[in-house]
Amino acid sequence: MQRVRAFMLLGGKCYKCPENRMQTLELEHINDNGAEERRTIGRGNVMAKEALKRPNDFQLLCGSCHNLKTSGYESVEVEFQKE
């Protein structure tokens, strides 16, 4: 239930695209300190609790957008066109 509340508090959709299916959304640390925080406080519902306490430190990203951000390609826009 905390995860649902955290997701709704953070807008209920991906910050970068219109994706809003909860099963595709992930809590993302805005300050890129997720690995450090997971080592300190844990994973799973603990992160949802933290997002409820500190919503300005988190955003929702879908798996695709989160992957792009993590890999450093978020600022690269490529469009494939059918020939």
C-alpha atoms as a PDB file:
ATOM      1  CA  MET A   1       0.000   0.000   0.000  1.00  0.00           C
ATOM      2  CA  GLN A   2       2.889   2.377   0.718  1.00  0.00           C
ATOM      3  CA  ARG A   3       4.159   1.877  -2.807  1.00  0.00           C
ATOM      4  CA  VAL A   4       0.787   2.957  -4.253  1.00  0.00           C
ATOM      5  CA  ARG A   5       0.706   6.005  -1.989  1.00  0.00           C
ATOM      6  CA  ALA A   6       4.282   6.937  -2.919  1.00  0.00           C
ATOM      7  CA  PHE A   7       3.557   6.557  -6.628  1.00  0.00           C
ATOM      8  CA  MET A   8       0.440   8.723  -6.381  1.00  0.00           C
ATOM      9  CA  LEU A   9       2.350  11.357  -4.387  1.00  0.00           C
ATOM     10  CA  LEU A  10       4.975  11.432  -7.156  1.00  0.00           C
ATOM     11  CA  GLY A  11       2.364  11.980  -9.868  1.00  0.00           C
ATOM     12  CA  GLY A  12       1.389   8.438 -10.863  1.00  0.00           C
ATOM     13  CA  LYS A  13       3.262   8.489 -14.180  1.00  0.00           C
ATOM     14  CA  CYS A  14       6.756   8.518 -15.616  1.00  0.00           C
ATOM     15  CA  TYR A  15       8.474  11.887 -15.234  1.00  0.00           C
ATOM     16  CA  LYS A  16       9.849  11.703 -18.801  1.00  0.00           C
ATOM     17  CA  CYS A  17       7.046  10.059 -20.814  1.00  0.00           C
ATOM     18  CA  PRO A  18       3.301   9.380 -20.478  1.00  0.00           C
ATOM     19  CA  GLU A  19       3.725   5.801 -19.156  1.00  0.00           C
ATOM     20  CA  ASN A  20       1.416   5.293 -16.166  1.00  0.00           C
ATOM     21  CA  ARG A  21       1.124   1.510 -15.672  1.00  0.00           C
ATOM     22  CA  MET A  22       2.240   0.906 -12.112  1.00  0.00           C
ATOM     23  CA  GLN A  23       3.966  -2.373 -12.969  1.00  0.00           C
ATOM     24  CA  THR A  24       6.348  -0.485 -15.307  1.00  0.00           C
ATOM     25  CA  LEU A  25       7.171   2.408 -12.947  1.00  0.00           C
ATOM     26  CA  GLU A  26      10.231   2.572 -10.713  1.00  0.00           C
ATOM     27  CA  LEU A  27      11.269   4.894  -7.908  1.00  0.00           C
ATOM     28  CA  GLU A  28      14.355   6.772  -9.032  1.00  0.00           C
ATOM     29  CA  HIS A  29      16.722   8.822  -6.896  1.00  0.00           C
ATOM     30  CA  ILE A  30      16.997  12.288  -8.387  1.00  0.00           C
ATOM     31  CA  ASN A  31      20.482  12.791  -6.914  1.00  0.00           C
ATOM     32  CA  ASP A  32      21.818   9.513  -8.373  1.00  0.00           C
ATOM     33  CA  ASN A  33      22.604   8.171  -4.891  1.00  0.00           C
ATOM     34  CA  GLY A  34      20.408   5.066  -5.099  1.00  0.00           C
ATOM     35  CA  ALA A  35      23.162   2.467  -4.680  1.00  0.00           C
ATOM     36  CA  GLU A  36      24.477   4.180  -1.582  1.00  0.00           C
ATOM     37  CA  GLU A  37      21.007   4.565  -0.085  1.00  0.00           C
ATOM     38  CA  ARG A  38      20.079   0.924  -0.771  1.00  0.00           C
ATOM     39  CA  ARG A  39      23.209  -0.193   1.095  1.00  0.00           C
ATOM     40  CA  THR A  40      22.256   2.035   4.029  1.00  0.00           C
ATOM     41  CA  ILE A  41      18.502   1.543   4.409  1.00  0.00           C
ATOM     42  CA  GLY A  42      17.557  -1.446   2.254  1.00  0.00           C
ATOM     43  CA  ARG A  43      15.302  -2.113  -0.735  1.00  0.00           C
ATOM     44  CA  GLY A  44      11.650  -2.586  -1.657  1.00  0.00           C
ATOM     45  CA  ASN A  45       8.999  -1.065   0.574  1.00  0.00           C
ATOM     46  CA  VAL A  46      11.695   0.771   2.506  1.00  0.00           C
ATOM     47  CA  MET A  47      12.236   2.941  -0.567  1.00  0.00           C
ATOM     48  CA  ALA A  48       8.507   3.651  -0.830  1.00  0.00           C
ATOM     49  CA  LYS A  49       8.562   4.770   2.817  1.00  0.00           C
ATOM     50  CA  GLU A  50      11.502   7.050   2.085  1.00  0.00           C
ATOM     51  CA  ALA A  51       9.735   8.498  -0.964  1.00  0.00           C
ATOM     52  CA  LEU A  52       6.735   9.320   1.224  1.00  0.00           C
ATOM     53  CA  LYS A  53       9.032  11.079   3.722  1.00  0.00           C
ATOM     54  CA  ARG A  54      11.211  12.832   1.125  1.00  0.00           C
ATOM     55  CA  PRO A  55       9.257  13.159  -2.141  1.00  0.00           C
ATOM     56  CA  ASN A  56      11.620  15.837  -3.469  1.00  0.00           C
ATOM     57  CA  ASP A  57      14.452  13.276  -3.531  1.00  0.00           C
ATOM     58  CA  PHE A  58      12.601  10.815  -5.804  1.00  0.00           C
ATOM     59  CA  GLN A  59      10.839  10.683  -9.148  1.00  0.00           C
ATOM     60  CA  LEU A  60       8.972   8.011 -11.042  1.00  0.00           C
ATOM     61  CA  LEU A  61      10.484   6.685 -14.241  1.00  0.00           C
ATOM     62  CA  CYS A  62       9.314   3.820 -16.401  1.00  0.00           C
ATOM     63  CA  GLY A  63      11.852   1.059 -16.935  1.00  0.00           C
ATOM     64  CA  SER A  64      12.851   2.386 -20.361  1.00  0.00           C
ATOM     65  CA  CYS A  65      13.421   5.966 -19.221  1.00  0.00           C
ATOM     66  CA  HIS A  66      15.213   4.788 -16.082  1.00  0.00           C
ATOM     67  CA  ASN A  67      17.517   2.638 -18.224  1.00  0.00           C
ATOM     68  CA  LEU A  68      18.260   5.578 -20.530  1.00  0.00           C
ATOM     69  CA  LYS A  69      19.083   7.829 -17.576  1.00  0.00           C
ATOM     70  CA  THR A  70      21.270   5.225 -15.879  1.00  0.00           C
ATOM     71  CA  SER A  71      23.176   4.439 -19.072  1.00  0.00           C
ATOM     72  CA  GLY A  72      23.791   8.107 -19.858  1.00  0.00           C
ATOM     73  CA  TYR A  73      21.730   8.171 -23.058  1.00  0.00           C
ATOM     74  CA  GLU A  74      18.808  10.196 -21.721  1.00  0.00           C
ATOM     75  CA  SER A  75      19.876  13.333 -23.566  1.00  0.00           C
ATOM     76  CA  VAL A  76      20.326  11.535 -26.892  1.00  0.00           C
ATOM     77  CA  GLU A  77      17.241  11.566 -29.057  1.00  0.00           C
ATOM     78  CA  VAL A  78      17.139   9.122 -31.926  1.00  0.00           C
ATOM     79  CA  GLU A  79      14.176   8.516 -34.163  1.00  0.00           C
ATOM     80  CA  PHE A  80      13.958   5.498 -36.401  1.00  0.00           C
ATOM     81  CA  GLN A  81      12.017   5.988 -39.588  1.00  0.00           C
ATOM     82  CA  LYS A  82      10.512   3.264 -41.664  1.00  0.00           C
ATOM     83  CA  GLU A  83      11.824   3.275 -45.205  1.00  0.00           C
END
